[in-house]
């Protein structure tokens, strides 16, 4: 029985990783495994082409999408760490208080 080169999991993890990049770059934990899964499937399919069915080009496209989203997440994670490391905590508190006052004023 041949194994399928199904790209659904890779695309699903990549898209969820893209959505999670807004949360301090935590999409790295989703897009990283997506890239690794795609890379492993491509290597296995190239070593044993008779054991796999499906188009290897579609898996390479999924791998590229996962890599791009991984890079975006890594950049956003680095920016988040940098901004937390260089910002004074009192400024963060003041911004938080300002946002909370705006929310309460809107009610």
PDB file of N, CA and C in Angstrom:
ATOM      1  N   UNK A   1       0.834  -1.182   0.000  1.00  0.00           N
ATOM      2  CA  UNK A   1       0.000   0.000   0.000  1.00  0.00           C
ATOM      3  C   UNK A   1       0.880   1.248   0.000  1.00  0.00           C
ATOM      4  N   UNK A   2       0.578   2.165  -0.886  1.00  0.00           N
ATOM      5  CA  UNK A   2       1.384   3.367  -1.025  1.00  0.00           C
ATOM      6  C   UNK A   2       0.957   4.437  -0.026  1.00  0.00           C
ATOM      7  N   UNK A   3       1.927   5.192   0.448  1.00  0.00           N
ATOM      8  CA  UNK A   3       1.651   6.309   1.350  1.00  0.00           C
ATOM      9  C   UNK A   3       1.323   7.547   0.526  1.00  0.00           C
ATOM     10  N   UNK A   4       0.461   8.370   1.066  1.00  0.00           N
ATOM     11  CA  UNK A   4       0.013   9.558   0.342  1.00  0.00           C
ATOM     12  C   UNK A   4       0.820  10.784   0.763  1.00  0.00           C
ATOM     13  N   UNK A   5       1.135  11.628  -0.186  1.00  0.00           N
ATOM     14  CA  UNK A   5       1.776  12.913   0.109  1.00  0.00           C
ATOM     15  C   UNK A   5       0.666  13.951   0.318  1.00  0.00           C
ATOM     16  N   UNK A   6       0.049  13.907   1.477  1.00  0.00           N
ATOM     17  CA  UNK A   6      -1.068  14.777   1.794  1.00  0.00           C
ATOM     18  C   UNK A   6      -0.538  16.075   2.414  1.00  0.00           C
ATOM     19  N   UNK A   7      -0.851  17.192   1.784  1.00  0.00           N
ATOM     20  CA  UNK A   7      -0.334  18.485   2.238  1.00  0.00           C
ATOM     21  C   UNK A   7      -1.264  19.196   3.210  1.00  0.00           C
ATOM     22  N   UNK A   8      -2.395  18.603   3.534  1.00  0.00           N
ATOM     23  CA  UNK A   8      -3.397  19.265   4.366  1.00  0.00           C
ATOM     24  C   UNK A   8      -2.845  19.640   5.737  1.00  0.00           C
ATOM     25  N   UNK A   9      -2.158  18.727   6.396  1.00  0.00           N
ATOM     26  CA  UNK A   9      -1.624  18.994   7.730  1.00  0.00           C
ATOM     27  C   UNK A   9      -0.600  20.124   7.699  1.00  0.00           C
ATOM     28  N   UNK A  10       0.244  20.120   6.696  1.00  0.00           N
ATOM     29  CA  UNK A  10       1.277  21.151   6.585  1.00  0.00           C
ATOM     30  C   UNK A  10       0.636  22.521   6.386  1.00  0.00           C
ATOM     31  N   UNK A  11      -0.355  22.596   5.492  1.00  0.00           N
ATOM     32  CA  UNK A  11      -1.038  23.871   5.259  1.00  0.00           C
ATOM     33  C   UNK A  11      -1.820  24.315   6.495  1.00  0.00           C
ATOM     34  N   UNK A  12      -2.469  23.384   7.174  1.00  0.00           N
ATOM     35  CA  UNK A  12      -3.248  23.722   8.362  1.00  0.00           C
ATOM     36  C   UNK A  12      -2.349  24.298   9.458  1.00  0.00           C
ATOM     37  N   UNK A  13      -1.233  23.634   9.731  1.00  0.00           N
ATOM     38  CA  UNK A  13      -0.305  24.136  10.744  1.00  0.00           C
ATOM     39  C   UNK A  13       0.298  25.474  10.331  1.00  0.00           C
ATOM     40  N   UNK A  14       0.581  25.641   9.062  1.00  0.00           N
ATOM     41  CA  UNK A  14       1.167  26.892   8.577  1.00  0.00           C
ATOM     42  C   UNK A  14       0.191  28.053   8.737  1.00  0.00           C
ATOM     43  N   UNK A  15      -1.055  27.851   8.355  1.00  0.00           N
ATOM     44  CA  UNK A  15      -2.046  28.926   8.451  1.00  0.00           C
ATOM     45  C   UNK A  15      -2.332  29.259   9.904  1.00  0.00           C
ATOM     46  N   UNK A  16      -2.436  28.254  10.754  1.00  0.00           N
ATOM     47  CA  UNK A  16      -2.622  28.532  12.186  1.00  0.00           C
ATOM     48  C   UNK A  16      -1.404  29.256  12.752  1.00  0.00           C
ATOM     49  N   UNK A  17      -0.221  28.908  12.275  1.00  0.00           N
ATOM     50  CA  UNK A  17       0.993  29.602  12.694  1.00  0.00           C
ATOM     51  C   UNK A  17       0.988  31.056  12.266  1.00  0.00           C
ATOM     52  N   UNK A  18       0.454  31.329  11.080  1.00  0.00           N
ATOM     53  CA  UNK A  18       0.354  32.706  10.608  1.00  0.00           C
ATOM     54  C   UNK A  18      -0.613  33.500  11.483  1.00  0.00           C
ATOM     55  N   UNK A  19      -1.713  32.881  11.858  1.00  0.00           N
ATOM     56  CA  UNK A  19      -2.672  33.559  12.731  1.00  0.00           C
ATOM     57  C   UNK A  19      -2.095  33.807  14.121  1.00  0.00           C
ATOM     58  N   UNK A  20      -1.244  32.903  14.583  1.00  0.00           N
ATOM     59  CA  UNK A  20      -0.666  33.034  15.924  1.00  0.00           C
ATOM     60  C   UNK A  20       0.555  33.950  15.961  1.00  0.00           C
ATOM     61  N   UNK A  21       1.012  34.437  14.825  1.00  0.00           N
ATOM     62  CA  UNK A  21       2.182  35.317  14.849  1.00  0.00           C
ATOM     63  C   UNK A  21       1.853  36.633  15.547  1.00  0.00           C
ATOM     64  N   UNK A  22       0.580  36.968  15.614  1.00  0.00           N
ATOM     65  CA  UNK A  22       0.174  38.198  16.302  1.00  0.00           C
ATOM     66  C   UNK A  22       0.362  38.083  17.811  1.00  0.00           C
ATOM     67  N   UNK A  23       0.484  36.887  18.312  1.00  0.00           N
ATOM     68  CA  UNK A  23       0.672  36.663  19.738  1.00  0.00           C
ATOM     69  C   UNK A  23       2.153  36.458  20.039  1.00  0.00           C
ATOM     70  N   UNK A  24       2.924  37.495  19.880  1.00  0.00           N
ATOM     71  CA  UNK A  24       4.350  37.548  20.190  1.00  0.00           C
ATOM     72  C   UNK A  24       5.177  36.526  19.423  1.00  0.00           C
ATOM     73  N   UNK A  25       4.720  36.123  18.259  1.00  0.00           N
ATOM     74  CA  UNK A  25       5.483  35.200  17.431  1.00  0.00           C
ATOM     75  C   UNK A  25       5.379  33.749  17.854  1.00  0.00           C
ATOM     76  N   UNK A  26       4.334  33.412  18.606  1.00  0.00           N
ATOM     77  CA  UNK A  26       4.190  32.039  19.085  1.00  0.00           C
ATOM     78  C   UNK A  26       3.800  31.057  17.988  1.00  0.00           C
ATOM     79  N   UNK A  27       3.541  31.552  16.790  1.00  0.00           N
ATOM     80  CA  UNK A  27       3.256  30.678  15.659  1.00  0.00           C
ATOM     81  C   UNK A  27       4.460  29.855  15.242  1.00  0.00           C
ATOM     82  N   UNK A  28       5.625  30.160  15.811  1.00  0.00           N
ATOM     83  CA  UNK A  28       6.831  29.365  15.556  1.00  0.00           C
ATOM     84  C   UNK A  28       6.578  27.912  15.949  1.00  0.00           C
ATOM     85  N   UNK A  29       5.780  27.713  17.005  1.00  0.00           N
ATOM     86  CA  UNK A  29       5.521  26.367  17.489  1.00  0.00           C
ATOM     87  C   UNK A  29       4.567  25.589  16.597  1.00  0.00           C
ATOM     88  N   UNK A  30       3.948  26.259  15.644  1.00  0.00           N
ATOM     89  CA  UNK A  30       3.093  25.573  14.678  1.00  0.00           C
ATOM     90  C   UNK A  30       3.737  25.506  13.293  1.00  0.00           C
ATOM     91  N   UNK A  31       4.347  26.592  12.865  1.00  0.00           N
ATOM     92  CA  UNK A  31       4.943  26.602  11.530  1.00  0.00           C
ATOM     93  C   UNK A  31       6.267  25.834  11.491  1.00  0.00           C
ATOM     94  N   UNK A  32       6.961  25.759  12.609  1.00  0.00           N
ATOM     95  CA  UNK A  32       8.203  24.980  12.660  1.00  0.00           C
ATOM     96  C   UNK A  32       7.955  23.496  12.391  1.00  0.00           C
ATOM     97  N   UNK A  33       7.040  22.876  13.140  1.00  0.00           N
ATOM     98  CA  UNK A  33       6.733  21.469  12.844  1.00  0.00           C
ATOM     99  C   UNK A  33       6.165  21.262  11.441  1.00  0.00           C
ATOM    100  N   UNK A  34       5.410  22.235  10.928  1.00  0.00           N
ATOM    101  CA  UNK A  34       4.880  22.107   9.560  1.00  0.00           C
ATOM    102  C   UNK A  34       6.024  22.009   8.560  1.00  0.00           C
ATOM    103  N   UNK A  35       7.035  22.851   8.737  1.00  0.00           N
ATOM    104  CA  UNK A  35       8.192  22.813   7.852  1.00  0.00           C
ATOM    105  C   UNK A  35       8.940  21.477   7.984  1.00  0.00           C
ATOM    106  N   UNK A  36       9.113  21.014   9.218  1.00  0.00           N
ATOM    107  CA  UNK A  36       9.834  19.759   9.438  1.00  0.00           C
ATOM    108  C   UNK A  36       9.080  18.558   8.860  1.00  0.00           C
ATOM    109  N   UNK A  37       7.760  18.557   9.003  1.00  0.00           N
ATOM    110  CA  UNK A  37       6.952  17.469   8.445  1.00  0.00           C
ATOM    111  C   UNK A  37       7.076  17.452   6.922  1.00  0.00           C
ATOM    112  N   UNK A  38       6.950  18.621   6.311  1.00  0.00           N
ATOM    113  CA  UNK A  38       7.046  18.692   4.845  1.00  0.00           C
ATOM    114  C   UNK A  38       8.431  18.270   4.369  1.00  0.00           C
ATOM    115  N   UNK A  39       9.455  18.710   5.060  1.00  0.00           N
ATOM    116  CA  UNK A  39      10.824  18.365   4.685  1.00  0.00           C
ATOM    117  C   UNK A  39      11.046  16.856   4.778  1.00  0.00           C
ATOM    118  N   UNK A  40      10.553  16.229   5.850  1.00  0.00           N
ATOM    119  CA  UNK A  40      10.720  14.790   6.028  1.00  0.00           C
ATOM    120  C   UNK A  40       9.969  14.007   4.951  1.00  0.00           C
ATOM    121  N   UNK A  41       8.752  14.433   4.649  1.00  0.00           N
ATOM    122  CA  UNK A  41       7.967  13.736   3.621  1.00  0.00           C
ATOM    123  C   UNK A  41       8.639  13.838   2.248  1.00  0.00           C
ATOM    124  N   UNK A  42       9.197  15.001   1.947  1.00  0.00           N
ATOM    125  CA  UNK A  42       9.874  15.172   0.655  1.00  0.00           C
ATOM    126  C   UNK A  42      11.104  14.266   0.568  1.00  0.00           C
ATOM    127  N   UNK A  43      11.891  14.231   1.640  1.00  0.00           N
ATOM    128  CA  UNK A  43      13.076  13.372   1.637  1.00  0.00           C
ATOM    129  C   UNK A  43      12.697  11.905   1.492  1.00  0.00           C
ATOM    130  N   UNK A  44      11.665  11.482   2.233  1.00  0.00           N
ATOM    131  CA  UNK A  44      11.228  10.087   2.135  1.00  0.00           C
ATOM    132  C   UNK A  44      10.725   9.755   0.732  1.00  0.00           C
ATOM    133  N   UNK A  45       9.984  10.689   0.138  1.00  0.00           N
ATOM    134  CA  UNK A  45       9.443  10.450  -1.200  1.00  0.00           C
ATOM    135  C   UNK A  45      10.548  10.428  -2.256  1.00  0.00           C
ATOM    136  N   UNK A  46      11.599  11.206  -2.058  1.00  0.00           N
ATOM    137  CA  UNK A  46      12.704  11.197  -3.011  1.00  0.00           C
ATOM    138  C   UNK A  46      13.542   9.934  -2.890  1.00  0.00           C
ATOM    139  N   UNK A  47      13.673   9.414  -1.670  1.00  0.00           N
ATOM    140  CA  UNK A  47      14.446   8.186  -1.472  1.00  0.00           C
ATOM    141  C   UNK A  47      13.681   6.955  -1.953  1.00  0.00           C
ATOM    142  N   UNK A  48      12.382   6.925  -1.733  1.00  0.00           N
ATOM    143  CA  UNK A  48      11.551   5.788  -2.119  1.00  0.00           C
ATOM    144  C   UNK A  48      10.352   6.267  -2.935  1.00  0.00           C
ATOM    145  N   UNK A  49      10.539   6.635  -4.186  1.00  0.00           N
ATOM    146  CA  UNK A  49       9.424   7.179  -4.976  1.00  0.00           C
ATOM    147  C   UNK A  49       8.309   6.161  -5.253  1.00  0.00           C
ATOM    148  N   UNK A  50       8.631   4.869  -5.204  1.00  0.00           N
ATOM    149  CA  UNK A  50       7.614   3.850  -5.465  1.00  0.00           C
ATOM    150  C   UNK A  50       6.666   3.658  -4.282  1.00  0.00           C
ATOM    151  N   UNK A  51       7.087   4.080  -3.090  1.00  0.00           N
ATOM    152  CA  UNK A  51       6.264   3.899  -1.899  1.00  0.00           C
ATOM    153  C   UNK A  51       5.260   5.029  -1.686  1.00  0.00           C
ATOM    154  N   UNK A  52       5.369   6.099  -2.446  1.00  0.00           N
ATOM    155  CA  UNK A  52       4.510   7.274  -2.240  1.00  0.00           C
ATOM    156  C   UNK A  52       3.707   7.566  -3.494  1.00  0.00           C
ATOM    157  N   UNK A  53       2.475   8.013  -3.254  1.00  0.00           N
ATOM    158  CA  UNK A  53       1.643   8.471  -4.354  1.00  0.00           C
ATOM    159  C   UNK A  53       1.300   9.935  -4.110  1.00  0.00           C
ATOM    160  N   UNK A  54       1.126  10.659  -5.185  1.00  0.00           N
ATOM    161  CA  UNK A  54       0.831  12.076  -5.068  1.00  0.00           C
ATOM    162  C   UNK A  54       1.934  12.891  -5.724  1.00  0.00           C
ATOM    163  N   UNK A  55       1.705  14.180  -5.760  1.00  0.00           N
ATOM    164  CA  UNK A  55       2.633  15.081  -6.437  1.00  0.00           C
ATOM    165  C   UNK A  55       3.626  15.659  -5.435  1.00  0.00           C
ATOM    166  N   UNK A  56       4.902  15.437  -5.683  1.00  0.00           N
ATOM    167  CA  UNK A  56       5.937  15.949  -4.784  1.00  0.00           C
ATOM    168  C   UNK A  56       6.044  17.467  -4.892  1.00  0.00           C
ATOM    169  N   UNK A  57       5.655  18.028  -6.031  1.00  0.00           N
ATOM    170  CA  UNK A  57       5.710  19.481  -6.196  1.00  0.00           C
ATOM    171  C   UNK A  57       4.738  20.195  -5.269  1.00  0.00           C
ATOM    172  N   UNK A  58       3.592  19.584  -5.008  1.00  0.00           N
ATOM    173  CA  UNK A  58       2.637  20.207  -4.081  1.00  0.00           C
ATOM    174  C   UNK A  58       3.189  20.202  -2.658  1.00  0.00           C
ATOM    175  N   UNK A  59       3.917  19.158  -2.292  1.00  0.00           N
ATOM    176  CA  UNK A  59       4.529  19.126  -0.960  1.00  0.00           C
ATOM    177  C   UNK A  59       5.665  20.136  -0.877  1.00  0.00           C
ATOM    178  N   UNK A  60       6.392  20.357  -1.964  1.00  0.00           N
ATOM    179  CA  UNK A  60       7.447  21.372  -1.968  1.00  0.00           C
ATOM    180  C   UNK A  60       6.852  22.773  -1.834  1.00  0.00           C
ATOM    181  N   UNK A  61       5.692  22.992  -2.440  1.00  0.00           N
ATOM    182  CA  UNK A  61       5.003  24.275  -2.288  1.00  0.00           C
ATOM    183  C   UNK A  61       4.557  24.468  -0.844  1.00  0.00           C
ATOM    184  N   UNK A  62       4.027  23.421  -0.226  1.00  0.00           N
ATOM    185  CA  UNK A  62       3.612  23.497   1.174  1.00  0.00           C
ATOM    186  C   UNK A  62       4.819  23.769   2.072  1.00  0.00           C
ATOM    187  N   UNK A  63       5.953  23.173   1.746  1.00  0.00           N
ATOM    188  CA  UNK A  63       7.179  23.402   2.507  1.00  0.00           C
ATOM    189  C   UNK A  63       7.620  24.858   2.390  1.00  0.00           C
ATOM    190  N   UNK A  64       7.509  25.438   1.201  1.00  0.00           N
ATOM    191  CA  UNK A  64       7.874  26.843   0.997  1.00  0.00           C
ATOM    192  C   UNK A  64       6.952  27.770   1.783  1.00  0.00           C
ATOM    193  N   UNK A  65       5.658  27.477   1.770  1.00  0.00           N
ATOM    194  CA  UNK A  65       4.703  28.282   2.538  1.00  0.00           C
ATOM    195  C   UNK A  65       5.033  28.199   4.020  1.00  0.00           C
ATOM    196  N   UNK A  66       5.314  27.005   4.513  1.00  0.00           N
ATOM    197  CA  UNK A  66       5.658  26.826   5.932  1.00  0.00           C
ATOM    198  C   UNK A  66       6.940  27.578   6.279  1.00  0.00           C
ATOM    199  N   UNK A  67       7.913  27.569   5.386  1.00  0.00           N
ATOM    200  CA  UNK A  67       9.171  28.275   5.631  1.00  0.00           C
ATOM    201  C   UNK A  67       8.954  29.784   5.700  1.00  0.00           C
ATOM    202  N   UNK A  68       8.158  30.326   4.797  1.00  0.00           N
ATOM    203  CA  UNK A  68       7.897  31.767   4.795  1.00  0.00           C
ATOM    204  C   UNK A  68       7.184  32.181   6.083  1.00  0.00           C
ATOM    205  N   UNK A  69       6.190  31.405   6.489  1.00  0.00           N
ATOM    206  CA  UNK A  69       5.456  31.729   7.710  1.00  0.00           C
ATOM    207  C   UNK A  69       6.352  31.539   8.933  1.00  0.00           C
ATOM    208  N   UNK A  70       7.235  30.568   8.896  1.00  0.00           N
ATOM    209  CA  UNK A  70       8.194  30.385   9.993  1.00  0.00           C
ATOM    210  C   UNK A  70       9.115  31.589  10.115  1.00  0.00           C
ATOM    211  N   UNK A  71       9.591  32.109   9.006  1.00  0.00           N
ATOM    212  CA  UNK A  71      10.469  33.291   9.024  1.00  0.00           C
ATOM    213  C   UNK A  71       9.717  34.500   9.570  1.00  0.00           C
ATOM    214  N   UNK A  72       8.467  34.691   9.146  1.00  0.00           N
ATOM    215  CA  UNK A  72       7.658  35.802   9.659  1.00  0.00           C
ATOM    216  C   UNK A  72       7.504  35.689  11.169  1.00  0.00           C
ATOM    217  N   UNK A  73       7.214  34.492  11.647  1.00  0.00           N
ATOM    218  CA  UNK A  73       7.051  34.283  13.088  1.00  0.00           C
ATOM    219  C   UNK A  73       8.349  34.508  13.850  1.00  0.00           C
ATOM    220  N   UNK A  74       9.458  34.063  13.281  1.00  0.00           N
ATOM    221  CA  UNK A  74      10.747  34.258  13.950  1.00  0.00           C
ATOM    222  C   UNK A  74      11.090  35.743  14.053  1.00  0.00           C
ATOM    223  N   UNK A  75      10.802  36.492  13.006  1.00  0.00           N
ATOM    224  CA  UNK A  75      11.052  37.935  13.047  1.00  0.00           C
ATOM    225  C   UNK A  75      10.174  38.616  14.095  1.00  0.00           C
ATOM    226  N   UNK A  76       8.901  38.243  14.132  1.00  0.00           N
ATOM    227  CA  UNK A  76       7.995  38.847  15.099  1.00  0.00           C
ATOM    228  C   UNK A  76       8.361  38.443  16.518  1.00  0.00           C
ATOM    229  N   UNK A  77       8.815  37.205  16.725  1.00  0.00           N
ATOM    230  CA  UNK A  77       9.256  36.760  18.044  1.00  0.00           C
ATOM    231  C   UNK A  77      10.492  37.533  18.486  1.00  0.00           C
ATOM    232  N   UNK A  78      11.437  37.726  17.566  1.00  0.00           N
ATOM    233  CA  UNK A  78      12.650  38.488  17.888  1.00  0.00           C
ATOM    234  C   UNK A  78      12.297  39.938  18.229  1.00  0.00           C
ATOM    235  N   UNK A  79      11.367  40.527  17.464  1.00  0.00           N
ATOM    236  CA  UNK A  79      10.942  41.897  17.742  1.00  0.00           C
ATOM    237  C   UNK A  79      10.251  41.987  19.096  1.00  0.00           C
ATOM    238  N   UNK A  80       9.439  41.005  19.437  1.00  0.00           N
ATOM    239  CA  UNK A  80       8.737  40.998  20.722  1.00  0.00           C
ATOM    240  C   UNK A  80       9.720  40.890  21.875  1.00  0.00           C
ATOM    241  N   UNK A  81      10.697  40.021  21.745  1.00  0.00           N
ATOM    242  CA  UNK A  81      11.701  39.869  22.803  1.00  0.00           C
ATOM    243  C   UNK A  81      12.513  41.146  22.943  1.00  0.00           C
ATOM    244  N   UNK A  82      12.892  41.742  21.817  1.00  0.00           N
ATOM    245  CA  UNK A  82      13.656  42.982  21.848  1.00  0.00           C
ATOM    246  C   UNK A  82      12.859  44.110  22.504  1.00  0.00           C
ATOM    247  N   UNK A  83      11.596  44.239  22.133  1.00  0.00           N
ATOM    248  CA  UNK A  83      10.794  45.330  22.692  1.00  0.00           C
ATOM    249  C   UNK A  83      10.546  45.132  24.180  1.00  0.00           C
ATOM    250  N   UNK A  84      10.377  43.894  24.619  1.00  0.00           N
ATOM    251  CA  UNK A  84      10.208  43.650  26.053  1.00  0.00           C
ATOM    252  C   UNK A  84      11.502  43.901  26.820  1.00  0.00           C
ATOM    253  N   UNK A  85      12.627  43.596  26.193  1.00  0.00           N
ATOM    254  CA  UNK A  85      13.910  43.761  26.872  1.00  0.00           C
ATOM    255  C   UNK A  85      14.332  45.226  26.959  1.00  0.00           C
ATOM    256  N   UNK A  86      13.906  46.045  26.012  1.00  0.00           N
ATOM    257  CA  UNK A  86      14.369  47.434  25.989  1.00  0.00           C
ATOM    258  C   UNK A  86      13.351  48.432  26.524  1.00  0.00           C
ATOM    259  N   UNK A  87      12.138  47.986  26.794  1.00  0.00           N
ATOM    260  CA  UNK A  87      11.102  48.892  27.271  1.00  0.00           C
ATOM    261  C   UNK A  87      11.053  48.853  28.792  1.00  0.00           C
ATOM    262  N   UNK A  88      10.864  50.015  29.364  1.00  0.00           N
ATOM    263  CA  UNK A  88      10.715  50.113  30.812  1.00  0.00           C
ATOM    264  C   UNK A  88       9.335  49.590  31.195  1.00  0.00           C
ATOM    265  N   UNK A  89       9.255  48.841  32.281  1.00  0.00           N
ATOM    266  CA  UNK A  89       8.001  48.241  32.686  1.00  0.00           C
ATOM    267  C   UNK A  89       6.950  49.291  33.055  1.00  0.00           C
ATOM    268  N   UNK A  90       7.374  50.420  33.567  1.00  0.00           N
ATOM    269  CA  UNK A  90       6.412  51.469  33.923  1.00  0.00           C
ATOM    270  C   UNK A  90       5.721  52.023  32.672  1.00  0.00           C
ATOM    271  N   UNK A  91       6.430  52.075  31.550  1.00  0.00           N
ATOM    272  CA  UNK A  91       5.810  52.517  30.302  1.00  0.00           C
ATOM    273  C   UNK A  91       4.744  51.526  29.844  1.00  0.00           C
ATOM    274  N   UNK A  92       5.016  50.254  30.006  1.00  0.00           N
ATOM    275  CA  UNK A  92       4.044  49.227  29.644  1.00  0.00           C
ATOM    276  C   UNK A  92       2.805  49.360  30.524  1.00  0.00           C
ATOM    277  N   UNK A  93       3.007  49.605  31.817  1.00  0.00           N
ATOM    278  CA  UNK A  93       1.885  49.786  32.726  1.00  0.00           C
ATOM    279  C   UNK A  93       1.053  51.002  32.344  1.00  0.00           C
ATOM    280  N   UNK A  94       1.705  52.094  31.979  1.00  0.00           N
ATOM    281  CA  UNK A  94       0.986  53.305  31.588  1.00  0.00           C
ATOM    282  C   UNK A  94       0.180  53.070  30.316  1.00  0.00           C
ATOM    283  N   UNK A  95       0.751  52.383  29.351  1.00  0.00           N
ATOM    284  CA  UNK A  95       0.025  52.067  28.116  1.00  0.00           C
ATOM    285  C   UNK A  95      -1.186  51.183  28.417  1.00  0.00           C
ATOM    286  N   UNK A  96      -0.997  50.199  29.281  1.00  0.00           N
ATOM    287  CA  UNK A  96      -2.085  49.303  29.651  1.00  0.00           C
ATOM    288  C   UNK A  96      -3.211  50.085  30.338  1.00  0.00           C
ATOM    289  N   UNK A  97      -2.827  50.972  31.249  1.00  0.00           N
ATOM    290  CA  UNK A  97      -3.818  51.771  31.959  1.00  0.00           C
ATOM    291  C   UNK A  97      -4.567  52.693  30.992  1.00  0.00           C
ATOM    292  N   UNK A  98      -3.867  53.270  30.045  1.00  0.00           N
ATOM    293  CA  UNK A  98      -4.494  54.142  29.048  1.00  0.00           C
ATOM    294  C   UNK A  98      -5.506  53.365  28.205  1.00  0.00           C
ATOM    295  N   UNK A  99      -5.130  52.171  27.783  1.00  0.00           N
ATOM    296  CA  UNK A  99      -6.035  51.346  26.979  1.00  0.00           C
ATOM    297  C   UNK A  99      -7.270  50.964  27.795  1.00  0.00           C
ATOM    298  N   UNK A 100      -7.079  50.615  29.062  1.00  0.00           N
ATOM    299  CA  UNK A 100      -8.209  50.239  29.915  1.00  0.00           C
ATOM    300  C   UNK A 100      -9.150  51.426  30.139  1.00  0.00           C
ATOM    301  N   UNK A 101      -8.592  52.623  30.291  1.00  0.00           N
ATOM    302  CA  UNK A 101      -9.431  53.816  30.458  1.00  0.00           C
ATOM    303  C   UNK A 101     -10.232  54.096  29.188  1.00  0.00           C
ATOM    304  N   UNK A 102      -9.632  53.894  28.026  1.00  0.00           N
ATOM    305  CA  UNK A 102     -10.359  54.085  26.767  1.00  0.00           C
ATOM    306  C   UNK A 102     -11.485  53.072  26.619  1.00  0.00           C
ATOM    307  N   UNK A 103     -11.244  51.849  27.037  1.00  0.00           N
ATOM    308  CA  UNK A 103     -12.288  50.827  26.965  1.00  0.00           C
ATOM    309  C   UNK A 103     -13.438  51.176  27.896  1.00  0.00           C
ATOM    310  N   UNK A 104     -13.102  51.613  29.126  1.00  0.00           N
ATOM    311  CA  UNK A 104     -14.143  51.968  30.079  1.00  0.00           C
ATOM    312  C   UNK A 104     -14.912  53.218  29.625  1.00  0.00           C
ATOM    313  N   UNK A 105     -14.261  54.139  28.977  1.00  0.00           N
ATOM    314  CA  UNK A 105     -14.912  55.355  28.496  1.00  0.00           C
ATOM    315  C   UNK A 105     -15.871  55.042  27.346  1.00  0.00           C
ATOM    316  N   UNK A 106     -15.562  54.006  26.579  1.00  0.00           N
ATOM    317  CA  UNK A 106     -16.396  53.640  25.439  1.00  0.00           C
ATOM    318  C   UNK A 106     -17.694  52.957  25.881  1.00  0.00           C
ATOM    319  N   UNK A 107     -17.728  52.447  27.076  1.00  0.00           N
ATOM    320  CA  UNK A 107     -18.932  51.735  27.562  1.00  0.00           C
ATOM    321  C   UNK A 107     -20.010  52.664  27.892  1.00  0.00           C
TER     322      UNK A 107
END
